[in-house]
């Protein structure tokens, strides 16, 4: 019999223990059952505080349910189910345990009603997810995982410090609206921003996700950034700064994604781009905008997961993921090709696909609230998404030139997981009312009016024509074997080169000064040598020979010291 007070993350923690102690089909069946059972139980949970306790005179709320947290709870259960089905062929216990604990940590974070409970799950997210990167067992995966872990733990430390300041300022640990008033609000905002992959704090994502295992990347794409989106929606709705940060997030990844060769890294940049739409919606803060942000987070988990699954299937079957190495796979991987195209259409916001019914809400909210320039940036970002995710991913992976690779479709469990995600992408796009009924606010929004459909269709048409024209003219960036440093260029190239030039000048000046001093000492030595050899000099005539020996010893000691330092 289920108890209402049982938090949904508990079953996933138990699932981690099951994954560690069982093997084979039994482990797979139990792991699949956990998100199903937990999700069915969550569906019956009413809004309200269901678990609270006292700690050091503070009331902690480990389990609070409202429309916002329930919305993320539902999609996290769906994501966990799809990811587990996708990874059933994997026999790696480390990955299975890490996946269950990671999903449980994400679910615990979105139901946390206080900042201290949030901090605990915030850090658990970091420590459980990093094993999905290290599980690939390559030097690159280890390095990327270490960087990922450092950034995630740093975010947690900043969150803890901000929470302590917040408690000192307000006397409360409740996790509700925080805002940017005072140092506590800014510290917590920065902590959320790191995990949300704000500009200049995003490279942990583009480094780590492509280095994870094929199944690990699917799971990573679903939880970490979406927990941060939830936290921003809870703590900072209506914060104007988020509008401009989100707009920047939608635009800058496009340029890197277009020139990137690693197709999973292209999707990592695309993930930042899509999170940017959510951040804009949270920053606008109206009912329509928040609905758009939350629903787009819901949809992104599914269609981005579908794209990561299709690229994971390609990597699993061919051992390659660079666009320059692939092509022609549609001949022998037809199922994966079709399912990837569904994901590409969804992320590009084609009408009748899931991305259209959520992205248009954010753009409508932007134009309705006077953010004209932001709307233009979102429009540009929408066209860019179609280029790098809607066209580039399926084109270079499955079509383009024939690479000569003849790999088959992946195992049935991987195809089934992709099929479930594809069905959700199409189902939500055709019948968005089912998704809208779960949203925090009832706005009566209708995505399928003539203006929205016509504008989006025109945008997609001209974007496709631009891609075709650039390819025919040979102007589209080719798929090259290269490494793009992103903003890491600042400290990997700019700062080291600047320091090298600065110290080169310092060493040059230092050498000149040393040379000048040594020259003067040489002159002094020669002068005293002449005086000693000539006899009757002013030294020998006025001072005893002991003083003369002392002067010579001092000069020689100084000369040796300067010569040694040089």
Protein backbone atom coordinates (compact mmCIF):
# COMPACT_ATOMS: atom_id res chain seq x y z
CA UNK A 1 0.00 0.00 0.00
CA UNK A 2 1.43 3.36 -1.00
CA UNK A 3 1.89 6.07 1.58
CA UNK A 4 1.27 9.63 0.44
CA UNK A 5 4.36 10.77 2.34
CA UNK A 6 6.67 8.49 0.32
CA UNK A 7 8.75 10.80 -1.92
CA UNK A 8 9.08 9.53 -5.51
CA UNK A 9 12.87 9.65 -5.41
CA UNK A 10 12.95 6.87 -2.81
CA UNK A 11 12.02 4.20 -5.35
CA UNK A 12 14.86 5.30 -7.63
CA UNK A 13 17.35 5.10 -4.79
CA UNK A 14 16.07 1.58 -4.13
CA UNK A 15 16.46 0.99 -7.86
CA UNK A 16 20.13 1.86 -7.59
CA UNK A 17 20.52 -0.80 -4.92
CA UNK A 18 18.64 -3.30 -7.10
CA UNK A 19 20.88 -2.51 -10.07
CA UNK A 20 23.94 -3.12 -7.91
CA UNK A 21 22.79 -6.50 -6.59
CA UNK A 22 21.00 -8.12 -9.52
CA UNK A 23 22.00 -9.19 -13.01
CA UNK A 24 20.58 -9.98 -16.42
CA UNK A 25 16.90 -9.87 -17.31
CA UNK A 26 15.81 -9.60 -13.68
CA UNK A 27 17.73 -6.35 -13.27
CA UNK A 28 16.36 -4.99 -16.54
CA UNK A 29 12.75 -5.84 -15.65
CA UNK A 30 12.99 -4.29 -12.18
CA UNK A 31 14.65 -1.14 -13.52
CA UNK A 32 11.92 -0.68 -16.15
CA UNK A 33 9.22 -1.26 -13.54
CA UNK A 34 10.49 1.39 -11.12
CA UNK A 35 9.71 4.54 -13.19
CA UNK A 36 6.38 3.01 -14.24
CA UNK A 37 5.26 2.26 -10.67
CA UNK A 38 6.63 5.52 -9.31
CA UNK A 39 5.03 7.50 -12.14
CA UNK A 40 1.62 5.92 -11.57
CA UNK A 41 1.88 6.73 -7.87
CA UNK A 42 2.94 10.31 -8.63
CA UNK A 43 -0.11 10.74 -10.86
CA UNK A 44 -2.33 10.28 -7.77
CA UNK A 45 -0.40 12.73 -5.59
CA UNK A 46 -2.34 15.94 -4.85
CA UNK A 47 -0.74 19.34 -4.45
CA UNK A 48 0.57 20.27 -1.03
CA UNK A 49 3.32 19.55 1.49
CA UNK A 50 3.55 15.81 2.06
CA UNK A 51 6.67 15.48 4.20
CA UNK A 52 8.36 17.89 6.61
CA UNK A 53 10.70 17.64 9.57
CA UNK A 54 12.63 19.85 11.98
CA UNK A 55 16.40 20.30 11.73
CA UNK A 56 18.30 22.75 13.97
CA UNK A 57 15.12 24.75 14.59
CA UNK A 58 14.42 24.98 10.86
CA UNK A 59 11.52 23.28 9.14
CA UNK A 60 12.70 21.22 6.20
CA UNK A 61 10.31 20.17 3.46
CA UNK A 62 11.79 17.22 1.53
CA UNK A 63 8.55 16.61 -0.39
CA UNK A 64 6.35 19.41 -1.69
CA UNK A 65 4.11 19.01 -4.74
CA UNK A 66 2.53 21.73 -6.86
CA UNK A 67 1.85 22.10 -10.57
CA UNK A 68 5.40 23.25 -11.32
CA UNK A 69 7.15 20.43 -9.49
CA UNK A 70 4.64 17.82 -10.68
CA UNK A 71 5.19 18.87 -14.30
CA UNK A 72 8.93 18.24 -14.01
CA UNK A 73 8.29 15.10 -11.99
CA UNK A 74 6.19 13.65 -14.80
CA UNK A 75 8.72 14.33 -17.53
CA UNK A 76 11.60 13.02 -15.41
CA UNK A 77 9.74 9.74 -14.94
CA UNK A 78 9.09 9.53 -18.69
CA UNK A 79 12.72 10.33 -19.44
CA UNK A 80 13.95 7.73 -16.96
CA UNK A 81 11.69 5.06 -18.46
CA UNK A 82 12.80 5.78 -22.04
CA UNK A 83 16.49 5.94 -21.04
CA UNK A 84 16.30 2.65 -19.14
CA UNK A 85 14.63 0.91 -22.08
CA UNK A 86 17.29 2.37 -24.37
CA UNK A 87 20.09 1.01 -22.17
CA UNK A 88 18.75 -2.51 -21.53
CA UNK A 89 21.49 -4.03 -23.70
CA UNK A 90 24.18 -2.49 -21.48
CA UNK A 91 25.73 -4.87 -18.95
CA UNK A 92 27.78 -2.25 -17.12
CA UNK A 93 26.68 -2.18 -13.46
CA UNK A 94 28.31 1.21 -12.86
CA UNK A 95 26.20 2.85 -15.54
CA UNK A 96 22.98 1.21 -14.37
CA UNK A 97 23.48 2.17 -10.75
CA UNK A 98 24.55 5.73 -11.63
CA UNK A 99 21.55 6.17 -13.93
CA UNK A 100 19.02 5.19 -11.24
CA UNK A 101 20.62 7.35 -8.55
CA UNK A 102 20.97 10.27 -10.97
CA UNK A 103 17.30 10.13 -11.95
CA UNK A 104 16.32 9.89 -8.29
CA UNK A 105 18.46 12.92 -7.43
CA UNK A 106 16.81 14.99 -10.17
CA UNK A 107 13.34 14.02 -9.00
CA UNK A 108 14.28 14.77 -5.39
CA UNK A 109 15.52 18.23 -6.39
CA UNK A 110 12.28 19.30 -8.07
CA UNK A 111 10.19 18.23 -5.10
CA UNK A 112 12.46 19.89 -2.52
CA UNK A 113 10.60 22.57 -0.58
CA UNK A 114 13.62 24.06 1.17
CA UNK A 115 17.10 25.19 0.17
CA UNK A 116 19.01 22.68 2.29
CA UNK A 117 17.19 19.70 0.79
CA UNK A 118 17.73 21.24 -2.64
CA UNK A 119 21.47 21.50 -1.92
CA UNK A 120 21.69 17.83 -0.97
CA UNK A 121 20.09 16.69 -4.23
CA UNK A 122 22.00 19.35 -6.16
CA UNK A 123 25.28 17.74 -5.12
CA UNK A 124 23.97 14.21 -5.57
CA UNK A 125 23.22 15.14 -9.17
CA UNK A 126 26.90 15.90 -9.68
CA UNK A 127 28.36 12.85 -7.96
CA UNK A 128 25.99 10.34 -9.55
CA UNK A 129 26.03 11.69 -13.11
CA UNK A 130 29.81 11.92 -13.50
CA UNK A 131 30.06 8.12 -13.58
CA UNK A 132 28.04 8.13 -16.81
CA UNK A 133 30.91 10.07 -18.36
CA UNK A 134 33.72 8.06 -16.80
CA UNK A 135 31.98 4.82 -17.81
CA UNK A 136 33.27 5.29 -21.35
CA UNK A 137 36.72 4.62 -19.88
CA UNK A 138 38.81 6.80 -22.19
CA UNK A 139 41.36 9.49 -21.25
CA UNK A 140 39.16 12.15 -22.86
CA UNK A 141 36.14 10.94 -20.87
CA UNK A 142 38.12 11.02 -17.63
CA UNK A 143 39.35 14.59 -18.24
CA UNK A 144 35.91 15.82 -19.30
CA UNK A 145 34.36 14.10 -16.28
CA UNK A 146 36.78 15.77 -13.90
CA UNK A 147 35.99 19.18 -15.33
CA UNK A 148 32.28 18.41 -15.21
CA UNK A 149 32.54 17.35 -11.57
CA UNK A 150 34.52 20.44 -10.57
CA UNK A 151 31.98 22.79 -12.14
CA UNK A 152 29.00 20.94 -10.67
CA UNK A 153 30.50 20.82 -7.19
CA UNK A 154 31.41 24.51 -7.47
CA UNK A 155 27.79 25.24 -8.29
CA UNK A 156 26.75 23.32 -5.18
CA UNK A 157 29.21 25.14 -2.94
CA UNK A 158 27.99 28.52 -4.19
CA UNK A 159 24.40 27.37 -3.64
CA UNK A 160 25.20 26.38 -0.05
CA UNK A 161 26.88 29.70 0.70
CA UNK A 162 23.97 31.57 -0.87
CA UNK A 163 21.50 29.50 1.14
CA UNK A 164 23.32 30.31 4.38
CA UNK A 165 23.26 34.02 3.56
CA UNK A 166 19.57 33.72 2.65
CA UNK A 167 18.77 32.02 5.94
CA UNK A 168 20.68 34.73 7.82
CA UNK A 169 18.83 37.48 5.94
CA UNK A 170 15.30 36.06 6.09
CA UNK A 171 15.34 33.45 8.84
CA UNK A 172 13.69 30.98 6.46
CA UNK A 173 14.93 27.99 4.48
CA UNK A 174 11.86 27.80 2.22
CA UNK A 175 12.59 27.49 -1.49
CA UNK A 176 10.20 29.90 -3.15
CA UNK A 177 10.73 33.18 -4.95
CA UNK A 178 14.21 34.53 -4.16
CA UNK A 179 14.97 37.38 -6.56
CA UNK A 180 18.19 39.34 -6.92
CA UNK A 181 17.87 41.38 -3.75
CA UNK A 182 21.01 41.04 -1.67
CA UNK A 183 24.11 38.89 -1.92
CA UNK A 184 22.19 35.69 -1.17
CA UNK A 185 19.99 36.11 -4.23
CA UNK A 186 22.99 36.72 -6.48
CA UNK A 187 24.94 33.74 -5.16
CA UNK A 188 22.04 31.35 -5.62
CA UNK A 189 21.42 32.84 -9.07
CA UNK A 190 25.04 32.14 -10.06
CA UNK A 191 24.78 28.58 -8.74
CA UNK A 192 21.67 27.97 -10.83
CA UNK A 193 23.31 29.64 -13.82
CA UNK A 194 26.33 27.33 -13.79
CA UNK A 195 24.14 24.24 -13.88
CA UNK A 196 21.91 25.88 -16.49
CA UNK A 197 24.96 26.44 -18.75
CA UNK A 198 24.81 30.23 -18.87
CA UNK A 199 27.23 31.85 -21.38
CA UNK A 200 30.90 31.57 -20.30
CA UNK A 201 29.90 28.84 -17.84
CA UNK A 202 28.68 26.38 -20.44
CA UNK A 203 31.77 24.54 -21.67
CA UNK A 204 31.46 21.81 -19.04
CA UNK A 205 28.38 20.68 -20.97
CA UNK A 206 29.85 20.74 -24.48
CA UNK A 207 32.97 18.95 -23.21
CA UNK A 208 31.35 16.27 -21.07
CA UNK A 209 28.18 15.19 -22.87
CA UNK A 210 29.91 14.10 -26.11
CA UNK A 211 32.46 12.09 -24.09
CA UNK A 212 29.87 10.07 -22.17
CA UNK A 213 28.73 6.62 -23.24
CA UNK A 214 26.02 6.43 -25.92
CA UNK A 215 23.41 5.65 -23.27
CA UNK A 216 24.90 7.98 -20.67
CA UNK A 217 24.56 11.04 -22.89
CA UNK A 218 20.83 10.37 -23.29
CA UNK A 219 20.35 10.35 -19.53
CA UNK A 220 22.56 13.40 -18.98
CA UNK A 221 20.61 15.44 -21.52
CA UNK A 222 17.37 14.91 -19.59
CA UNK A 223 18.14 16.00 -16.06
CA UNK A 224 20.94 18.40 -15.10
CA UNK A 225 20.01 21.49 -17.09
CA UNK A 226 16.28 20.86 -16.62
CA UNK A 227 16.67 20.81 -12.85
CA UNK A 228 18.37 24.21 -13.18
CA UNK A 229 15.51 25.47 -15.37
CA UNK A 230 13.06 24.33 -12.70
CA UNK A 231 15.10 26.10 -10.01
CA UNK A 232 15.10 29.35 -12.00
CA UNK A 233 11.35 29.07 -12.61
CA UNK A 234 10.84 28.58 -8.88
CA UNK A 235 13.25 31.22 -7.59
CA UNK A 236 13.55 33.89 -10.28
CA UNK A 237 10.42 34.23 -12.43
CA UNK A 238 10.07 37.67 -13.98
CA UNK A 239 13.77 38.56 -13.57
CA UNK A 240 14.59 40.81 -16.55
CA UNK A 241 18.24 39.80 -16.61
CA UNK A 242 17.19 36.27 -17.56
CA UNK A 243 15.54 37.55 -20.74
CA UNK A 244 18.86 38.79 -22.11
CA UNK A 245 20.90 35.87 -20.82
CA UNK A 246 18.44 33.47 -22.41
CA UNK A 247 18.46 35.37 -25.70
CA UNK A 248 22.26 35.12 -25.80
CA UNK A 249 22.01 31.39 -25.04
CA UNK A 250 19.70 30.86 -28.01
CA UNK A 251 22.08 32.57 -30.46
CA UNK A 252 25.75 31.95 -29.71
CA UNK A 253 25.66 28.10 -29.80
CA UNK A 254 24.43 28.23 -33.40
CA UNK A 255 27.79 29.42 -34.71
CA UNK A 256 29.70 26.66 -32.93
CA UNK A 257 27.16 23.98 -33.87
CA UNK A 258 27.35 24.83 -37.58
CA UNK A 259 31.14 24.33 -37.72
CA UNK A 260 31.33 21.41 -35.29
CA UNK A 261 32.21 17.98 -36.68
CA UNK A 262 31.27 15.76 -33.71
CA UNK A 263 27.50 15.32 -34.11
CA UNK A 264 26.91 14.69 -30.41
CA UNK A 265 28.74 17.95 -29.67
CA UNK A 266 26.44 19.65 -32.18
CA UNK A 267 23.52 18.38 -30.09
CA UNK A 268 25.21 19.60 -26.91
CA UNK A 269 25.32 23.12 -28.36
CA UNK A 270 21.74 22.68 -29.49
CA UNK A 271 20.77 21.76 -25.94
CA UNK A 272 22.13 25.11 -24.70
CA UNK A 273 20.21 26.84 -27.48
CA UNK A 274 16.93 25.22 -26.42
CA UNK A 275 17.52 25.96 -22.74
CA UNK A 276 17.91 29.59 -23.79
CA UNK A 277 14.26 29.65 -24.93
CA UNK A 278 13.23 28.38 -21.50
CA UNK A 279 15.34 30.99 -19.71
CA UNK A 280 13.79 33.77 -21.81
CA UNK A 281 10.32 32.56 -20.85
CA UNK A 282 11.23 32.50 -17.16
CA UNK A 283 12.69 35.99 -17.41
CA UNK A 284 9.55 37.41 -19.01
CA UNK A 285 7.62 35.86 -16.15
CA UNK A 286 4.03 36.12 -17.42
CA UNK A 287 1.66 33.17 -17.25
CA UNK A 288 2.04 32.52 -20.98
CA UNK A 289 5.83 32.83 -20.85
CA UNK A 290 6.20 30.50 -17.87
CA UNK A 291 3.88 27.99 -19.50
CA UNK A 292 6.04 28.18 -22.61
CA UNK A 293 9.25 27.68 -20.64
CA UNK A 294 7.92 24.70 -18.70
CA UNK A 295 6.26 23.03 -21.69
CA UNK A 296 9.38 23.54 -23.80
CA UNK A 297 11.46 21.91 -21.06
CA UNK A 298 9.01 19.00 -21.14
CA UNK A 299 9.25 18.67 -24.92
CA UNK A 300 12.99 19.21 -25.06
CA UNK A 301 13.62 16.26 -22.78
CA UNK A 302 11.81 14.07 -25.31
CA UNK A 303 12.97 15.36 -28.70
CA UNK A 304 16.53 16.11 -27.58
CA UNK A 305 16.63 12.67 -26.01
CA UNK A 306 15.42 11.21 -29.32
CA UNK A 307 18.21 12.97 -31.23
CA UNK A 308 20.84 11.88 -28.72
CA UNK A 309 19.47 8.33 -28.92
CA UNK A 310 19.69 8.30 -32.71
CA UNK A 311 23.28 9.56 -32.63
CA UNK A 312 24.04 7.11 -29.84
CA UNK A 313 22.71 4.34 -32.06
CA UNK A 314 25.01 5.49 -34.87
CA UNK A 315 27.99 5.55 -32.52
CA UNK A 316 27.06 2.16 -31.05
CA UNK A 317 26.75 0.50 -34.48
CA UNK A 318 29.59 2.22 -36.36
CA UNK A 319 32.01 3.37 -33.67
CA UNK A 320 32.06 6.80 -35.35
CA UNK A 321 30.24 10.04 -34.69
CA UNK A 322 32.01 12.72 -36.76
CA UNK A 323 30.02 14.04 -39.68
CA UNK A 324 33.09 13.76 -41.91
CA UNK A 325 33.19 9.98 -41.28
CA UNK A 326 29.48 9.27 -41.79
CA UNK A 327 26.94 9.40 -44.59
CA UNK A 328 24.84 6.97 -46.57
CA UNK A 329 23.59 5.18 -43.47
CA UNK A 330 19.96 5.53 -44.51
CA UNK A 331 20.50 2.48 -46.73
CA UNK A 332 21.17 0.10 -43.87
CA UNK A 333 19.76 2.00 -40.85
CA UNK A 334 16.33 3.04 -42.16
CA UNK A 335 14.51 2.88 -38.80
CA UNK A 336 17.09 5.06 -37.06
CA UNK A 337 16.99 7.48 -39.99
CA UNK A 338 13.21 7.95 -39.84
CA UNK A 339 13.18 8.32 -36.05
CA UNK A 340 16.01 10.85 -36.19
CA UNK A 341 14.06 12.90 -38.75
CA UNK A 342 11.09 12.95 -36.36
CA UNK A 343 13.35 14.36 -33.65
CA UNK A 344 14.81 16.86 -36.09
CA UNK A 345 11.34 18.05 -37.12
CA UNK A 346 10.34 18.39 -33.47
CA UNK A 347 13.34 20.46 -32.40
CA UNK A 348 12.90 22.63 -35.52
CA UNK A 349 9.30 23.37 -34.43
CA UNK A 350 7.55 22.03 -37.51
CA UNK A 351 3.77 22.31 -37.15
CA UNK A 352 2.23 19.06 -35.88
CA UNK A 353 5.41 18.29 -33.91
CA UNK A 354 5.98 18.93 -30.21
CA UNK A 355 8.51 21.75 -30.48
CA UNK A 356 6.01 23.95 -32.32
CA UNK A 357 3.39 23.94 -29.56
CA UNK A 358 5.83 25.10 -26.86
CA UNK A 359 8.41 27.32 -28.59
CA UNK A 360 5.70 29.49 -30.12
CA UNK A 361 4.41 30.28 -26.60
CA UNK A 362 7.73 31.82 -25.58
CA UNK A 363 8.00 33.83 -28.79
CA UNK A 364 4.41 35.06 -28.49
CA UNK A 365 5.07 36.14 -24.89
CA UNK A 366 8.19 38.01 -25.99
CA UNK A 367 6.40 40.04 -28.65
CA UNK A 368 3.38 40.67 -26.41
CA UNK A 369 5.58 42.13 -23.66
CA UNK A 370 7.49 44.54 -25.87
CA UNK A 371 10.71 42.53 -26.24
CA UNK A 372 10.94 43.15 -29.98
CA UNK A 373 14.70 42.72 -30.27
CA UNK A 374 14.60 39.59 -28.16
CA UNK A 375 11.87 38.24 -30.44
CA UNK A 376 14.10 38.86 -33.46
CA UNK A 377 16.94 37.00 -31.71
CA UNK A 378 14.61 34.08 -31.00
CA UNK A 379 13.52 34.12 -34.64
CA UNK A 380 17.15 33.97 -35.77
CA UNK A 381 17.80 31.19 -33.25
CA UNK A 382 14.83 29.22 -34.58
CA UNK A 383 16.25 29.37 -38.10
CA UNK A 384 19.67 28.36 -36.76
CA UNK A 385 18.21 25.37 -34.94
CA UNK A 386 16.72 24.12 -38.18
CA UNK A 387 20.13 24.43 -39.83
CA UNK A 388 22.31 22.65 -37.28
CA UNK A 389 19.87 20.19 -35.69
CA UNK A 390 17.00 19.89 -38.12
CA UNK A 391 19.10 19.52 -41.26
CA UNK A 392 22.77 19.02 -40.40
CA UNK A 393 22.34 16.10 -38.00
CA UNK A 394 20.26 13.80 -40.27
CA UNK A 395 21.92 15.04 -43.47
CA UNK A 396 25.54 14.37 -42.53
CA UNK A 397 24.80 11.24 -40.51
CA UNK A 398 22.49 9.44 -42.92
CA UNK A 399 22.71 11.14 -46.29
CA UNK A 400 25.39 13.47 -47.74
CA UNK A 401 28.29 11.49 -49.22
CA UNK A 402 28.35 7.70 -49.01
CA UNK A 403 30.92 6.78 -46.39
CA UNK A 404 30.83 3.10 -47.34
CA UNK A 405 29.72 2.09 -43.83
CA UNK A 406 27.04 -0.61 -43.85
CA UNK A 407 25.86 -0.82 -40.25
CA UNK A 408 22.47 -2.22 -39.31
CA UNK A 409 19.85 -0.66 -37.09
CA UNK A 410 20.67 -0.96 -33.36
CA UNK A 411 19.26 -3.57 -30.94
CA UNK A 412 15.49 -3.72 -30.57
CA UNK A 413 15.44 -2.07 -27.15
CA UNK A 414 17.18 1.02 -28.57
CA UNK A 415 14.76 1.19 -31.48
CA UNK A 416 11.80 0.79 -29.09
CA UNK A 417 12.99 3.66 -26.89
CA UNK A 418 13.41 5.92 -29.92
CA UNK A 419 9.98 4.88 -31.20
CA UNK A 420 8.32 5.80 -27.88
CA UNK A 421 9.98 9.22 -27.93
CA UNK A 422 8.99 9.76 -31.57
CA UNK A 423 5.38 8.89 -30.80
CA UNK A 424 5.35 11.42 -27.97
CA UNK A 425 6.83 14.09 -30.26
CA UNK A 426 4.07 13.55 -32.81
CA UNK A 427 1.29 12.98 -30.26
CA UNK A 428 2.00 16.20 -28.34
CA UNK A 429 2.26 18.12 -31.59
CA UNK A 430 -1.10 16.87 -32.85
CA UNK A 431 -2.91 17.08 -29.51
CA UNK A 432 -1.21 19.77 -27.38
CA UNK A 433 -4.20 20.05 -25.04
CA UNK A 434 -2.95 17.00 -23.15
CA UNK A 435 0.30 18.82 -22.38
CA UNK A 436 -1.38 22.17 -21.70
CA UNK A 437 -3.64 20.60 -19.08
CA UNK A 438 -0.59 19.87 -16.93
CA UNK A 439 0.86 23.39 -17.07
CA UNK A 440 0.90 25.72 -14.05
CA UNK A 441 -1.46 28.29 -15.64
CA UNK A 442 -4.55 28.14 -17.82
CA UNK A 443 -4.03 30.73 -20.56
CA UNK A 444 -6.26 29.35 -23.29
CA UNK A 445 -3.39 29.49 -25.76
CA UNK A 446 -3.95 28.04 -29.23
CA UNK A 447 -0.73 27.35 -31.19
CA UNK A 448 -2.51 26.46 -34.42
CA UNK A 449 -3.80 29.84 -35.52
CA UNK A 450 -3.04 31.01 -39.03
CA UNK A 451 -0.40 33.54 -37.96
CA UNK A 452 1.74 31.07 -36.00
CA UNK A 453 1.54 28.32 -38.60
CA UNK A 454 2.21 30.58 -41.58
CA UNK A 455 5.11 32.42 -39.92
CA UNK A 456 6.83 29.24 -38.80
CA UNK A 457 6.32 27.51 -42.16
CA UNK A 458 7.85 30.47 -43.99
CA UNK A 459 10.80 30.53 -41.60
CA UNK A 460 11.49 26.83 -42.11
CA UNK A 461 11.09 27.08 -45.88
CA UNK A 462 13.56 29.93 -46.29
CA UNK A 463 16.00 28.27 -43.86
CA UNK A 464 15.91 25.10 -45.95
CA UNK A 465 16.45 27.09 -49.14
CA UNK A 466 19.41 28.84 -47.53
CA UNK A 467 20.96 25.50 -46.59
CA UNK A 468 20.51 24.10 -50.10
CA UNK A 469 21.90 27.26 -51.72
CA UNK A 470 24.95 27.35 -49.44
CA UNK A 471 25.66 23.69 -50.17
CA UNK A 472 25.33 24.12 -53.93
CA UNK A 473 27.65 27.14 -53.82
CA UNK A 474 30.14 25.29 -51.62
CA UNK A 475 29.80 27.97 -48.94
CA UNK A 476 28.36 25.81 -46.14
CA UNK A 477 31.06 25.06 -43.52
CA UNK A 478 32.49 21.63 -44.35
CA UNK A 479 32.79 18.83 -41.82
CA UNK A 480 36.48 19.04 -40.87
CA UNK A 481 38.55 17.10 -38.34
CA UNK A 482 39.24 19.93 -35.94
CA UNK A 483 38.98 21.02 -32.32
CA UNK A 484 36.97 24.12 -31.41
CA UNK A 485 38.00 25.69 -28.13
CA UNK A 486 34.88 27.84 -27.66
CA UNK A 487 35.38 30.33 -24.79
CA UNK A 488 38.15 28.08 -23.50
CA UNK A 489 40.25 29.96 -26.07
CA UNK A 490 40.47 32.78 -23.52
CA UNK A 491 42.49 30.82 -20.97
CA UNK A 492 43.98 28.21 -23.29
CA UNK A 493 45.24 30.61 -25.94
CA UNK A 494 44.67 34.31 -25.21
CA UNK A 495 45.84 34.45 -21.58
CA UNK A 496 48.87 32.11 -22.04
CA UNK A 497 50.00 34.04 -25.13
CA UNK A 498 49.56 37.37 -23.37
CA UNK A 499 51.49 36.14 -20.34
CA UNK A 500 54.20 34.70 -22.58
CA UNK A 501 54.69 38.03 -24.34
CA UNK A 502 54.59 39.98 -21.08
CA UNK A 503 57.22 37.79 -19.46
CA UNK A 504 59.32 37.87 -22.63
CA UNK A 505 59.53 41.66 -22.22
CA UNK A 506 60.27 41.29 -18.50
CA UNK A 507 63.07 38.78 -19.15
CA UNK A 508 64.48 41.02 -21.87
CA UNK A 509 64.59 44.05 -19.56
CA UNK A 510 65.95 41.88 -16.76
CA UNK A 511 68.69 40.58 -19.04
CA UNK A 512 69.64 44.09 -20.13
CA UNK A 513 69.83 45.32 -16.53
CA UNK A 514 71.91 42.32 -15.48
CA UNK A 515 74.23 42.80 -18.42
CA UNK A 516 74.71 46.48 -17.58
CA UNK A 517 75.44 45.74 -13.92
CA UNK A 518 77.87 42.97 -14.81
CA UNK A 519 79.62 45.33 -17.25
CA UNK A 520 80.10 47.94 -14.54
CA UNK A 521 81.42 45.32 -12.14
CA UNK A 522 83.85 44.14 -14.81
CA UNK A 523 85.11 47.69 -15.18
CA UNK A 524 85.53 48.00 -11.42
CA UNK A 525 87.41 44.71 -11.27
CA UNK A 526 89.74 45.80 -14.07
CA UNK A 527 90.33 49.15 -12.35
CA UNK A 528 91.29 47.54 -9.04
CA UNK A 529 93.43 44.98 -10.84
CA UNK A 530 95.42 47.79 -12.49
CA UNK A 531 95.83 49.55 -9.18
CA UNK A 532 97.14 46.41 -7.49
CA UNK A 533 99.65 45.69 -10.27
CA UNK A 534 100.94 49.32 -10.60
CA UNK A 535 102.23 49.77 -7.02
CA UNK A 536 102.21 53.10 -5.21
CA UNK A 537 98.52 53.46 -5.81
CA UNK A 538 96.21 55.36 -3.56
CA UNK A 539 95.10 52.17 -1.90
CA UNK A 540 98.52 50.72 -1.21
CA UNK A 541 99.92 54.00 -0.05
CA UNK A 542 97.16 54.77 2.44
CA UNK A 543 95.87 51.44 3.69
CA UNK A 544 97.46 48.25 4.98
CA UNK A 545 97.43 45.16 2.73
CA UNK A 546 94.66 43.46 4.81
CA UNK A 547 92.08 46.06 3.73
CA UNK A 548 93.13 45.68 0.10
CA UNK A 549 92.54 41.91 0.26
CA UNK A 550 89.11 42.52 1.84
CA UNK A 551 88.02 44.83 -0.99
CA UNK A 552 89.06 42.30 -3.61
CA UNK A 553 87.16 39.54 -1.81
CA UNK A 554 83.98 41.66 -1.64
CA UNK A 555 84.10 42.50 -5.33
CA UNK A 556 84.71 38.88 -6.35
CA UNK A 557 81.85 37.68 -4.14
CA UNK A 558 79.45 40.18 -5.72
CA UNK A 559 80.57 39.16 -9.21
CA UNK A 560 80.07 35.48 -8.45
CA UNK A 561 76.63 36.11 -6.94
CA UNK A 562 75.36 38.07 -9.95
CA UNK A 563 76.82 35.52 -12.34
CA UNK A 564 75.10 32.67 -10.44
CA UNK A 565 71.68 34.41 -10.50
CA UNK A 566 72.02 34.98 -14.22
